[in-house]
Amino acid sequence: MFGNDADFLLYLHRTHAAELRAEVAAERLARSVSRGTGRTWLGRRQPAGRTGDDRR
């Protein structure tokens, strides 16, 4: 498959570079997707939750 060490090193470099590009693309996509915290599936805001100290 590889004629010499240079071909093998070039293959490793290209593979690693492709993996890094895929990771960057996944992180960019994760940052671009809005987070739905504080909203229900209907799009309404959730009321503030109660803690145990607030109960009487």
C-alpha atoms as a PDB file:
ATOM      1  CA  MET A   1       0.000   0.000   0.000  1.00  0.00           C
ATOM      2  CA  PHE A   2       2.810   2.404   0.885  1.00  0.00           C
ATOM      3  CA  GLY A   3       5.855   2.564  -1.325  1.00  0.00           C
ATOM      4  CA  ASN A   4       8.071   4.139   1.315  1.00  0.00           C
ATOM      5  CA  ASP A   5       8.070   5.925   4.662  1.00  0.00           C
ATOM      6  CA  ALA A   6       7.340   9.298   3.055  1.00  0.00           C
ATOM      7  CA  ASP A   7       4.082   7.985   1.581  1.00  0.00           C
ATOM      8  CA  PHE A   8       3.096   6.577   4.964  1.00  0.00           C
ATOM      9  CA  LEU A   9       3.865   9.846   6.777  1.00  0.00           C
ATOM     10  CA  LEU A  10       1.904  11.806   4.189  1.00  0.00           C
ATOM     11  CA  TYR A  11      -1.032   9.420   4.668  1.00  0.00           C
ATOM     12  CA  LEU A  12      -0.887   9.906   8.446  1.00  0.00           C
ATOM     13  CA  HIS A  13      -0.726  13.669   8.065  1.00  0.00           C
ATOM     14  CA  ARG A  14      -3.725  13.783   5.734  1.00  0.00           C
ATOM     15  CA  THR A  15      -5.741  11.456   7.959  1.00  0.00           C
ATOM     16  CA  HIS A  16      -4.986  13.479  11.072  1.00  0.00           C
ATOM     17  CA  ALA A  17      -5.778  16.748   9.284  1.00  0.00           C
ATOM     18  CA  ALA A  18      -9.118  15.328   8.139  1.00  0.00           C
ATOM     19  CA  GLU A  19      -9.953  14.265  11.703  1.00  0.00           C
ATOM     20  CA  LEU A  20      -9.113  17.735  13.005  1.00  0.00           C
ATOM     21  CA  ARG A  21     -11.295  19.360  10.344  1.00  0.00           C
ATOM     22  CA  ALA A  22     -14.186  17.056  11.278  1.00  0.00           C
ATOM     23  CA  GLU A  23     -13.837  17.945  14.980  1.00  0.00           C
ATOM     24  CA  VAL A  24     -13.792  21.667  14.195  1.00  0.00           C
ATOM     25  CA  ALA A  25     -16.867  21.309  11.991  1.00  0.00           C
ATOM     26  CA  ALA A  26     -18.725  19.409  14.727  1.00  0.00           C
ATOM     27  CA  GLU A  27     -17.842  22.055  17.333  1.00  0.00           C
ATOM     28  CA  ARG A  28     -18.908  24.847  14.982  1.00  0.00           C
ATOM     29  CA  LEU A  29     -22.228  23.108  14.366  1.00  0.00           C
ATOM     30  CA  ALA A  30     -22.789  22.580  18.094  1.00  0.00           C
ATOM     31  CA  ARG A  31     -22.180  26.279  18.758  1.00  0.00           C
ATOM     32  CA  SER A  32     -24.502  27.368  15.950  1.00  0.00           C
ATOM     33  CA  VAL A  33     -27.454  25.297  17.184  1.00  0.00           C
ATOM     34  CA  SER A  34     -29.489  27.326  19.631  1.00  0.00           C
ATOM     35  CA  ARG A  35     -29.970  25.821  23.041  1.00  0.00           C
ATOM     36  CA  GLY A  36     -33.571  25.401  24.125  1.00  0.00           C
ATOM     37  CA  THR A  37     -32.998  25.827  27.838  1.00  0.00           C
ATOM     38  CA  GLY A  38     -35.811  27.582  29.608  1.00  0.00           C
ATOM     39  CA  ARG A  39     -38.390  26.747  26.954  1.00  0.00           C
ATOM     40  CA  THR A  40     -40.835  23.878  26.586  1.00  0.00           C
ATOM     41  CA  TRP A  41     -41.507  22.069  23.345  1.00  0.00           C
ATOM     42  CA  LEU A  42     -44.283  24.598  22.672  1.00  0.00           C
ATOM     43  CA  GLY A  43     -41.805  27.447  22.819  1.00  0.00           C
ATOM     44  CA  ARG A  44     -43.087  28.966  26.048  1.00  0.00           C
ATOM     45  CA  ARG A  45     -40.791  30.005  28.852  1.00  0.00           C
ATOM     46  CA  GLN A  46     -40.705  27.803  31.923  1.00  0.00           C
ATOM     47  CA  PRO A  47     -41.594  29.417  35.250  1.00  0.00           C
ATOM     48  CA  ALA A  48     -38.759  29.560  37.748  1.00  0.00           C
ATOM     49  CA  GLY A  49     -38.460  26.308  39.660  1.00  0.00           C
ATOM     50  CA  ARG A  50     -38.961  26.138  43.411  1.00  0.00           C
ATOM     51  CA  THR A  51     -36.348  24.940  45.807  1.00  0.00           C
ATOM     52  CA  GLY A  52     -37.089  23.076  49.009  1.00  0.00           C
ATOM     53  CA  ASP A  53     -36.465  26.254  51.051  1.00  0.00           C
ATOM     54  CA  ASP A  54     -39.305  28.171  49.359  1.00  0.00           C
ATOM     55  CA  ARG A  55     -42.025  25.791  50.486  1.00  0.00           C
ATOM     56  CA  ARG A  56     -44.047  26.594  53.586  1.00  0.00           C
END
